[in-house]
Every structure is written in structure tokens, then in C-alpha cells.
């Protein structure tokens, strides 16, 4: 697999991980007991930390991309292994 393909897969997985992890650990002003600015939405986060999100998403995306590339190279799980409609070999 070429390094450009690995980079593209990593970036796609990173964006997916960032969006999935976005709501975790975020608290509203009501939950923290902090005063809201007039006109602020009730659901606005009070403690949003983007660098923590970037770090966590990068770490998870690196692990997922590495496992995908290793599976691609060594063929641990193939499409035939997850085919639910084909009977197993020992039942034919």
C-alpha cells in the first residue's frame, strides 16, 4: 500500500474519530454552575478543549489506521470471513 493511500485513510479516520469524540467530556454552563453570557445558547459548552480532542482523535485514528494497514498487508480478516450469507466450509 502506498504512503499516500495510508495518509488519505488516516485523514478520513481522523475526521470520523474527531466527530465521534466531540460530545464526550463537554459540560454546559448549567452543569458546571458557571454564569452564562446573555444571548448564549443553553447547550453551549463551557469547557471545550480542542487540543485535547485533537490529541485523542489523533491517537485513536493512528491505532485504527495501523490495524487497517496491517490487516491489509497480512490478510487476517478477509471479505470471505465476514460473509454472512455463505455457509461455513465444514457444512458443505
PDB file of N, CA and C in Angstrom:
ATOM      1  N   UNK A   1       0.847  -1.164   0.000  1.00  0.00           N
ATOM      2  CA  UNK A   1       0.000   0.000   0.000  1.00  0.00           C
ATOM      3  C   UNK A   1       0.899   1.236   0.000  1.00  0.00           C
ATOM      4  N   UNK A   2       0.551   2.199  -0.821  1.00  0.00           N
ATOM      5  CA  UNK A   2       1.365   3.407  -0.941  1.00  0.00           C
ATOM      6  C   UNK A   2       1.139   4.328   0.258  1.00  0.00           C
ATOM      7  N   UNK A   3       2.132   5.163   0.534  1.00  0.00           N
ATOM      8  CA  UNK A   3       2.036   6.054   1.680  1.00  0.00           C
ATOM      9  C   UNK A   3       0.950   7.108   1.483  1.00  0.00           C
ATOM     10  N   UNK A   4       0.653   7.465   0.237  1.00  0.00           N
ATOM     11  CA  UNK A   4      -0.415   8.433   0.002  1.00  0.00           C
ATOM     12  C   UNK A   4      -1.783   7.835   0.346  1.00  0.00           C
ATOM     13  N   UNK A   5      -1.943   6.554   0.070  1.00  0.00           N
ATOM     14  CA  UNK A   5      -3.190   5.879   0.440  1.00  0.00           C
ATOM     15  C   UNK A   5      -3.334   5.787   1.953  1.00  0.00           C
ATOM     16  N   UNK A   6      -2.247   5.486   2.622  1.00  0.00           N
ATOM     17  CA  UNK A   6      -2.272   5.401   4.077  1.00  0.00           C
ATOM     18  C   UNK A   6      -2.596   6.768   4.679  1.00  0.00           C
ATOM     19  N   UNK A   7      -2.026   7.826   4.118  1.00  0.00           N
ATOM     20  CA  UNK A   7      -2.305   9.181   4.610  1.00  0.00           C
ATOM     21  C   UNK A   7      -3.765   9.552   4.403  1.00  0.00           C
ATOM     22  N   UNK A   8      -4.312   9.218   3.238  1.00  0.00           N
ATOM     23  CA  UNK A   8      -5.719   9.521   2.969  1.00  0.00           C
ATOM     24  C   UNK A   8      -6.636   8.749   3.914  1.00  0.00           C
ATOM     25  N   UNK A   9      -6.327   7.484   4.153  1.00  0.00           N
ATOM     26  CA  UNK A   9      -7.126   6.673   5.078  1.00  0.00           C
ATOM     27  C   UNK A   9      -7.027   7.247   6.486  1.00  0.00           C
ATOM     28  N   UNK A  10      -5.818   7.641   6.894  1.00  0.00           N
ATOM     29  CA  UNK A  10      -5.641   8.224   8.224  1.00  0.00           C
ATOM     30  C   UNK A  10      -6.468   9.495   8.380  1.00  0.00           C
ATOM     31  N   UNK A  11      -6.452  10.368   7.390  1.00  0.00           N
ATOM     32  CA  UNK A  11      -7.210  11.618   7.486  1.00  0.00           C
ATOM     33  C   UNK A  11      -8.713  11.364   7.548  1.00  0.00           C
ATOM     34  N   UNK A  12      -9.199  10.417   6.775  1.00  0.00           N
ATOM     35  CA  UNK A  12     -10.625  10.078   6.830  1.00  0.00           C
ATOM     36  C   UNK A  12     -11.009   9.506   8.194  1.00  0.00           C
ATOM     37  N   UNK A  13     -10.177   8.624   8.716  1.00  0.00           N
ATOM     38  CA  UNK A  13     -10.443   8.034  10.021  1.00  0.00           C
ATOM     39  C   UNK A  13     -10.329   9.103  11.109  1.00  0.00           C
ATOM     40  N   UNK A  14      -9.384  10.036  10.959  1.00  0.00           N
ATOM     41  CA  UNK A  14      -9.213  11.094  11.946  1.00  0.00           C
ATOM     42  C   UNK A  14     -10.457  11.985  12.033  1.00  0.00           C
ATOM     43  N   UNK A  15     -10.994  12.371  10.890  1.00  0.00           N
ATOM     44  CA  UNK A  15     -12.193  13.210  10.885  1.00  0.00           C
ATOM     45  C   UNK A  15     -13.363  12.467  11.523  1.00  0.00           C
ATOM     46  N   UNK A  16     -13.508  11.189  11.190  1.00  0.00           N
ATOM     47  CA  UNK A  16     -14.581  10.395  11.782  1.00  0.00           C
ATOM     48  C   UNK A  16     -14.413  10.308  13.304  1.00  0.00           C
ATOM     49  N   UNK A  17     -13.204  10.051  13.766  1.00  0.00           N
ATOM     50  CA  UNK A  17     -12.948   9.957  15.205  1.00  0.00           C
ATOM     51  C   UNK A  17     -13.196  11.292  15.896  1.00  0.00           C
ATOM     52  N   UNK A  18     -12.795  12.383  15.271  1.00  0.00           N
ATOM     53  CA  UNK A  18     -12.995  13.697  15.881  1.00  0.00           C
ATOM     54  C   UNK A  18     -14.480  13.992  16.052  1.00  0.00           C
ATOM     55  N   UNK A  19     -15.287  13.696  15.053  1.00  0.00           N
ATOM     56  CA  UNK A  19     -16.714  13.953  15.167  1.00  0.00           C
ATOM     57  C   UNK A  19     -17.383  13.014  16.172  1.00  0.00           C
ATOM     58  N   UNK A  20     -16.920  11.777  16.249  1.00  0.00           N
ATOM     59  CA  UNK A  20     -17.495  10.838  17.216  1.00  0.00           C
ATOM     60  C   UNK A  20     -17.130  11.249  18.640  1.00  0.00           C
ATOM     61  N   UNK A  21     -15.909  11.732  18.852  1.00  0.00           N
ATOM     62  CA  UNK A  21     -15.443  12.081  20.189  1.00  0.00           C
ATOM     63  C   UNK A  21     -15.850  13.484  20.621  1.00  0.00           C
ATOM     64  N   UNK A  22     -16.390  14.269  19.736  1.00  0.00           N
ATOM     65  CA  UNK A  22     -16.703  15.670  20.027  1.00  0.00           C
ATOM     66  C   UNK A  22     -17.593  15.870  21.249  1.00  0.00           C
ATOM     67  N   UNK A  23     -18.657  15.116  21.454  1.00  0.00           N
ATOM     68  CA  UNK A  23     -19.515  15.399  22.610  1.00  0.00           C
ATOM     69  C   UNK A  23     -19.014  14.844  23.943  1.00  0.00           C
ATOM     70  N   UNK A  24     -17.987  14.018  23.954  1.00  0.00           N
ATOM     71  CA  UNK A  24     -17.539  13.397  25.197  1.00  0.00           C
ATOM     72  C   UNK A  24     -16.721  14.370  26.039  1.00  0.00           C
ATOM     73  N   UNK A  25     -17.075  14.475  27.303  1.00  0.00           N
ATOM     74  CA  UNK A  25     -16.326  15.319  28.235  1.00  0.00           C
ATOM     75  C   UNK A  25     -16.708  16.780  28.217  1.00  0.00           C
ATOM     76  N   UNK A  26     -17.677  17.170  27.416  1.00  0.00           N
ATOM     77  CA  UNK A  26     -18.083  18.566  27.335  1.00  0.00           C
ATOM     78  C   UNK A  26     -19.256  18.784  28.281  1.00  0.00           C
ATOM     79  N   UNK A  27     -19.188  19.843  29.074  1.00  0.00           N
ATOM     80  CA  UNK A  27     -20.241  20.175  30.022  1.00  0.00           C
ATOM     81  C   UNK A  27     -20.799  21.561  29.696  1.00  0.00           C
ATOM     82  N   UNK A  28     -22.079  21.737  29.996  1.00  0.00           N
ATOM     83  CA  UNK A  28     -22.706  23.040  29.770  1.00  0.00           C
ATOM     84  C   UNK A  28     -22.489  23.935  30.988  1.00  0.00           C
ATOM     85  N   UNK A  29     -22.846  25.199  30.841  1.00  0.00           N
ATOM     86  CA  UNK A  29     -22.700  26.148  31.938  1.00  0.00           C
ATOM     87  C   UNK A  29     -23.600  25.783  33.112  1.00  0.00           C
ATOM     88  N   UNK A  30     -24.779  25.238  32.819  1.00  0.00           N
ATOM     89  CA  UNK A  30     -25.689  24.841  33.892  1.00  0.00           C
ATOM     90  C   UNK A  30     -25.108  23.688  34.712  1.00  0.00           C
ATOM     91  N   UNK A  31     -24.439  22.757  34.060  1.00  0.00           N
ATOM     92  CA  UNK A  31     -23.852  21.616  34.769  1.00  0.00           C
ATOM     93  C   UNK A  31     -22.680  22.035  35.646  1.00  0.00           C
ATOM     94  N   UNK A  32     -21.940  23.046  35.198  1.00  0.00           N
ATOM     95  CA  UNK A  32     -20.774  23.497  35.964  1.00  0.00           C
ATOM     96  C   UNK A  32     -21.101  24.616  36.937  1.00  0.00           C
ATOM     97  N   UNK A  33     -22.304  25.184  36.827  1.00  0.00           N
ATOM     98  CA  UNK A  33     -22.681  26.279  37.707  1.00  0.00           C
ATOM     99  C   UNK A  33     -22.002  27.587  37.355  1.00  0.00           C
ATOM    100  N   UNK A  34     -21.623  27.759  36.103  1.00  0.00           N
ATOM    101  CA  UNK A  34     -20.956  28.967  35.635  1.00  0.00           C
ATOM    102  C   UNK A  34     -22.000  29.897  35.033  1.00  0.00           C
ATOM    103  N   UNK A  35     -21.781  31.199  35.165  1.00  0.00           N
ATOM    104  CA  UNK A  35     -22.725  32.178  34.631  1.00  0.00           C
ATOM    105  C   UNK A  35     -22.629  32.233  33.111  1.00  0.00           C
ATOM    106  N   UNK A  36     -23.782  32.281  32.462  1.00  0.00           N
ATOM    107  CA  UNK A  36     -23.840  32.360  31.005  1.00  0.00           C
ATOM    108  C   UNK A  36     -23.824  33.816  30.549  1.00  0.00           C
ATOM    109  N   UNK A  37     -23.311  34.038  29.356  1.00  0.00           N
ATOM    110  CA  UNK A  37     -23.331  35.350  28.724  1.00  0.00           C
ATOM    111  C   UNK A  37     -24.726  35.562  28.154  1.00  0.00           C
ATOM    112  N   UNK A  38     -25.300  36.749  28.261  1.00  0.00           N
ATOM    113  CA  UNK A  38     -26.635  36.979  27.697  1.00  0.00           C
ATOM    114  C   UNK A  38     -26.672  36.669  26.200  1.00  0.00           C
ATOM    115  N   UNK A  39     -27.681  35.898  25.798  1.00  0.00           N
ATOM    116  CA  UNK A  39     -27.821  35.504  24.401  1.00  0.00           C
ATOM    117  C   UNK A  39     -27.149  34.196  24.067  1.00  0.00           C
ATOM    118  N   UNK A  40     -26.444  33.615  25.016  1.00  0.00           N
ATOM    119  CA  UNK A  40     -25.740  32.349  24.788  1.00  0.00           C
ATOM    120  C   UNK A  40     -26.735  31.193  24.830  1.00  0.00           C
ATOM    121  N   UNK A  41     -26.551  30.217  23.956  1.00  0.00           N
ATOM    122  CA  UNK A  41     -27.425  29.050  23.930  1.00  0.00           C
ATOM    123  C   UNK A  41     -27.237  28.223  25.196  1.00  0.00           C
ATOM    124  N   UNK A  42     -28.327  27.597  25.621  1.00  0.00           N
ATOM    125  CA  UNK A  42     -28.261  26.767  26.823  1.00  0.00           C
ATOM    126  C   UNK A  42     -27.345  25.558  26.637  1.00  0.00           C
ATOM    127  N   UNK A  43     -27.209  25.106  25.412  1.00  0.00           N
ATOM    128  CA  UNK A  43     -26.407  23.909  25.152  1.00  0.00           C
ATOM    129  C   UNK A  43     -24.953  24.223  24.794  1.00  0.00           C
ATOM    130  N   UNK A  44     -24.545  25.487  24.873  1.00  0.00           N
ATOM    131  CA  UNK A  44     -23.162  25.854  24.529  1.00  0.00           C
ATOM    132  C   UNK A  44     -22.193  25.262  25.545  1.00  0.00           C
ATOM    133  N   UNK A  45     -21.074  24.691  25.080  1.00  0.00           N
ATOM    134  CA  UNK A  45     -20.122  24.092  26.014  1.00  0.00           C
ATOM    135  C   UNK A  45     -19.390  25.155  26.831  1.00  0.00           C
ATOM    136  N   UNK A  46     -19.127  24.824  28.088  1.00  0.00           N
ATOM    137  CA  UNK A  46     -18.406  25.744  28.963  1.00  0.00           C
ATOM    138  C   UNK A  46     -16.933  25.401  29.053  1.00  0.00           C
ATOM    139  N   UNK A  47     -16.579  24.173  28.742  1.00  0.00           N
ATOM    140  CA  UNK A  47     -15.192  23.737  28.920  1.00  0.00           C
ATOM    141  C   UNK A  47     -14.659  23.032  27.674  1.00  0.00           C
ATOM    142  N   UNK A  48     -14.941  23.545  26.498  1.00  0.00           N
ATOM    143  CA  UNK A  48     -14.472  22.906  25.267  1.00  0.00           C
ATOM    144  C   UNK A  48     -12.957  23.050  25.164  1.00  0.00           C
ATOM    145  N   UNK A  49     -12.276  21.915  24.987  1.00  0.00           N
ATOM    146  CA  UNK A  49     -10.812  21.904  24.873  1.00  0.00           C
ATOM    147  C   UNK A  49     -10.422  21.265  23.548  1.00  0.00           C
ATOM    148  N   UNK A  50     -10.197  22.064  22.506  1.00  0.00           N
ATOM    149  CA  UNK A  50      -9.936  21.495  21.180  1.00  0.00           C
ATOM    150  C   UNK A  50      -8.630  20.710  21.083  1.00  0.00           C
ATOM    151  N   UNK A  51      -7.595  21.124  21.831  1.00  0.00           N
ATOM    152  CA  UNK A  51      -6.315  20.415  21.714  1.00  0.00           C
ATOM    153  C   UNK A  51      -6.393  19.017  22.321  1.00  0.00           C
ATOM    154  N   UNK A  52      -7.195  18.852  23.365  1.00  0.00           N
ATOM    155  CA  UNK A  52      -7.404  17.524  23.926  1.00  0.00           C
ATOM    156  C   UNK A  52      -8.142  16.642  22.920  1.00  0.00           C
ATOM    157  N   UNK A  53      -9.133  17.210  22.253  1.00  0.00           N
ATOM    158  CA  UNK A  53      -9.875  16.477  21.219  1.00  0.00           C
ATOM    159  C   UNK A  53      -8.948  16.080  20.067  1.00  0.00           C
ATOM    160  N   UNK A  54      -8.099  17.001  19.634  1.00  0.00           N
ATOM    161  CA  UNK A  54      -7.157  16.715  18.545  1.00  0.00           C
ATOM    162  C   UNK A  54      -6.206  15.590  18.940  1.00  0.00           C
ATOM    163  N   UNK A  55      -5.698  15.643  20.170  1.00  0.00           N
ATOM    164  CA  UNK A  55      -4.773  14.608  20.636  1.00  0.00           C
ATOM    165  C   UNK A  55      -5.446  13.235  20.686  1.00  0.00           C
ATOM    166  N   UNK A  56      -6.638  13.190  21.286  1.00  0.00           N
ATOM    167  CA  UNK A  56      -7.339  11.910  21.394  1.00  0.00           C
ATOM    168  C   UNK A  56      -7.723  11.352  20.027  1.00  0.00           C
ATOM    169  N   UNK A  57      -8.229  12.213  19.142  1.00  0.00           N
ATOM    170  CA  UNK A  57      -8.615  11.760  17.802  1.00  0.00           C
ATOM    171  C   UNK A  57      -7.394  11.271  17.028  1.00  0.00           C
ATOM    172  N   UNK A  58      -6.265  11.948  17.188  1.00  0.00           N
ATOM    173  CA  UNK A  58      -5.040  11.526  16.500  1.00  0.00           C
ATOM    174  C   UNK A  58      -4.569  10.171  16.987  1.00  0.00           C
ATOM    175  N   UNK A  59      -4.640   9.969  18.286  1.00  0.00           N
ATOM    176  CA  UNK A  59      -4.203   8.696  18.856  1.00  0.00           C
ATOM    177  C   UNK A  59      -5.096   7.544  18.399  1.00  0.00           C
ATOM    178  N   UNK A  60      -6.400   7.717  18.486  1.00  0.00           N
ATOM    179  CA  UNK A  60      -7.334   6.661  18.084  1.00  0.00           C
ATOM    180  C   UNK A  60      -7.238   6.412  16.581  1.00  0.00           C
ATOM    181  N   UNK A  61      -7.132   7.478  15.786  1.00  0.00           N
ATOM    182  CA  UNK A  61      -7.022   7.318  14.333  1.00  0.00           C
ATOM    183  C   UNK A  61      -5.730   6.604  13.949  1.00  0.00           C
ATOM    184  N   UNK A  62      -4.641   6.865  14.652  1.00  0.00           N
ATOM    185  CA  UNK A  62      -3.378   6.182  14.359  1.00  0.00           C
ATOM    186  C   UNK A  62      -3.494   4.683  14.633  1.00  0.00           C
ATOM    187  N   UNK A  63      -4.126   4.327  15.752  1.00  0.00           N
ATOM    188  CA  UNK A  63      -4.290   2.904  16.086  1.00  0.00           C
ATOM    189  C   UNK A  63      -5.202   2.211  15.068  1.00  0.00           C
ATOM    190  N   UNK A  64      -6.320   2.849  14.725  1.00  0.00           N
ATOM    191  CA  UNK A  64      -7.244   2.240  13.764  1.00  0.00           C
ATOM    192  C   UNK A  64      -6.628   2.129  12.366  1.00  0.00           C
ATOM    193  N   UNK A  65      -5.902   3.155  11.950  1.00  0.00           N
ATOM    194  CA  UNK A  65      -5.260   3.110  10.632  1.00  0.00           C
ATOM    195  C   UNK A  65      -4.159   2.053  10.602  1.00  0.00           C
ATOM    196  N   UNK A  66      -3.389   1.961  11.666  1.00  0.00           N
ATOM    197  CA  UNK A  66      -2.332   0.945  11.721  1.00  0.00           C
ATOM    198  C   UNK A  66      -2.921  -0.455  11.666  1.00  0.00           C
ATOM    199  N   UNK A  67      -4.035  -0.685  12.398  1.00  0.00           N
ATOM    200  CA  UNK A  67      -4.638  -2.014  12.332  1.00  0.00           C
ATOM    201  C   UNK A  67      -5.209  -2.303  10.953  1.00  0.00           C
ATOM    202  N   UNK A  68      -5.764  -1.286  10.295  1.00  0.00           N
ATOM    203  CA  UNK A  68      -6.287  -1.491   8.944  1.00  0.00           C
ATOM    204  C   UNK A  68      -5.157  -1.836   7.971  1.00  0.00           C
ATOM    205  N   UNK A  69      -4.063  -1.104   8.043  1.00  0.00           N
ATOM    206  CA  UNK A  69      -2.943  -1.355   7.127  1.00  0.00           C
ATOM    207  C   UNK A  69      -2.324  -2.726   7.392  1.00  0.00           C
ATOM    208  N   UNK A  70      -2.168  -3.097   8.657  1.00  0.00           N
ATOM    209  CA  UNK A  70      -1.619  -4.419   8.975  1.00  0.00           C
ATOM    210  C   UNK A  70      -2.547  -5.526   8.494  1.00  0.00           C
ATOM    211  N   UNK A  71      -3.849  -5.345   8.656  1.00  0.00           N
ATOM    212  CA  UNK A  71      -4.800  -6.336   8.155  1.00  0.00           C
ATOM    213  C   UNK A  71      -4.742  -6.413   6.634  1.00  0.00           C
ATOM    214  N   UNK A  72      -4.565  -5.279   5.978  1.00  0.00           N
ATOM    215  CA  UNK A  72      -4.447  -5.256   4.522  1.00  0.00           C
ATOM    216  C   UNK A  72      -3.207  -6.022   4.064  1.00  0.00           C
ATOM    217  N   UNK A  73      -2.099  -5.827   4.768  1.00  0.00           N
ATOM    218  CA  UNK A  73      -0.847  -6.474   4.379  1.00  0.00           C
ATOM    219  C   UNK A  73      -0.839  -7.978   4.682  1.00  0.00           C
ATOM    220  N   UNK A  74      -1.351  -8.377   5.839  1.00  0.00           N
ATOM    221  CA  UNK A  74      -1.263  -9.763   6.260  1.00  0.00           C
ATOM    222  C   UNK A  74      -2.532 -10.566   6.012  1.00  0.00           C
ATOM    223  N   UNK A  75      -3.638  -9.912   5.717  1.00  0.00           N
ATOM    224  CA  UNK A  75      -4.874 -10.611   5.385  1.00  0.00           C
ATOM    225  C   UNK A  75      -5.475 -11.399   6.527  1.00  0.00           C
ATOM    226  N   UNK A  76      -5.473 -10.853   7.728  1.00  0.00           N
ATOM    227  CA  UNK A  76      -6.022 -11.556   8.883  1.00  0.00           C
ATOM    228  C   UNK A  76      -7.522 -11.768   8.752  1.00  0.00           C
ATOM    229  N   UNK A  77      -8.252 -10.722   8.372  1.00  0.00           N
ATOM    230  CA  UNK A  77      -9.706 -10.802   8.188  1.00  0.00           C
ATOM    231  C   UNK A  77     -10.006 -10.408   6.754  1.00  0.00           C
ATOM    232  N   UNK A  78     -10.636 -11.316   6.006  1.00  0.00           N
ATOM    233  CA  UNK A  78     -10.967 -11.039   4.609  1.00  0.00           C
ATOM    234  C   UNK A  78     -12.475 -10.914   4.449  1.00  0.00           C
ATOM    235  N   UNK A  79     -12.907 -10.572   3.261  1.00  0.00           N
ATOM    236  CA  UNK A  79     -14.338 -10.437   2.986  1.00  0.00           C
ATOM    237  C   UNK A  79     -15.042 -11.785   3.136  1.00  0.00           C
ATOM    238  N   UNK A  80     -14.364 -12.874   2.809  1.00  0.00           N
ATOM    239  CA  UNK A  80     -14.961 -14.202   2.972  1.00  0.00           C
ATOM    240  C   UNK A  80     -15.187 -14.556   4.444  1.00  0.00           C
ATOM    241  N   UNK A  81     -14.363 -14.009   5.327  1.00  0.00           N
ATOM    242  CA  UNK A  81     -14.519 -14.285   6.760  1.00  0.00           C
ATOM    243  C   UNK A  81     -15.762 -13.633   7.352  1.00  0.00           C
ATOM    244  N   UNK A  82     -16.199 -12.527   6.781  1.00  0.00           N
ATOM    245  CA  UNK A  82     -17.355 -11.818   7.337  1.00  0.00           C
ATOM    246  C   UNK A  82     -18.592 -11.956   6.457  1.00  0.00           C
ATOM    247  N   UNK A  83     -18.565 -12.837   5.475  1.00  0.00           N
ATOM    248  CA  UNK A  83     -19.726 -13.074   4.627  1.00  0.00           C
ATOM    249  C   UNK A  83     -20.760 -13.868   5.414  1.00  0.00           C
ATOM    250  N   UNK A  84     -21.899 -13.249   5.672  1.00  0.00           N
ATOM    251  CA  UNK A  84     -22.925 -13.885   6.499  1.00  0.00           C
ATOM    252  C   UNK A  84     -23.842 -14.807   5.703  1.00  0.00           C
ATOM    253  N   UNK A  85     -23.796 -14.734   4.395  1.00  0.00           N
ATOM    254  CA  UNK A  85     -24.728 -15.494   3.575  1.00  0.00           C
ATOM    255  C   UNK A  85     -24.125 -16.772   2.998  1.00  0.00           C
ATOM    256  N   UNK A  86     -22.841 -16.980   3.159  1.00  0.00           N
ATOM    257  CA  UNK A  86     -22.196 -18.189   2.671  1.00  0.00           C
ATOM    258  C   UNK A  86     -22.053 -19.170   3.826  1.00  0.00           C
ATOM    259  N   UNK A  87     -22.465 -20.436   3.657  1.00  0.00           N
ATOM    260  CA  UNK A  87     -22.315 -21.398   4.756  1.00  0.00           C
ATOM    261  C   UNK A  87     -20.843 -21.693   5.017  1.00  0.00           C
ATOM    262  N   UNK A  88     -20.499 -22.058   6.246  1.00  0.00           N
ATOM    263  CA  UNK A  88     -19.110 -22.394   6.584  1.00  0.00           C
ATOM    264  C   UNK A  88     -18.630 -23.614   5.773  1.00  0.00           C
ATOM    265  N   UNK A  89     -17.322 -23.736   5.681  1.00  0.00           N
ATOM    266  CA  UNK A  89     -16.714 -24.808   4.892  1.00  0.00           C
ATOM    267  C   UNK A  89     -17.083 -26.197   5.423  1.00  0.00           C
ATOM    268  N   UNK A  90     -17.195 -26.345   6.719  1.00  0.00           N
ATOM    269  CA  UNK A  90     -17.451 -27.682   7.276  1.00  0.00           C
ATOM    270  C   UNK A  90     -18.894 -28.133   7.137  1.00  0.00           C
ATOM    271  N   UNK A  91     -19.798 -27.263   6.671  1.00  0.00           N
ATOM    272  CA  UNK A  91     -21.190 -27.642   6.496  1.00  0.00           C
ATOM    273  C   UNK A  91     -21.550 -27.920   5.038  1.00  0.00           C
ATOM    274  N   UNK A  92     -20.618 -27.799   4.140  1.00  0.00           N
ATOM    275  CA  UNK A  92     -20.901 -28.044   2.714  1.00  0.00           C
ATOM    276  C   UNK A  92     -20.862 -29.496   2.379  1.00  0.00           C
TER     277      UNK A  92
END
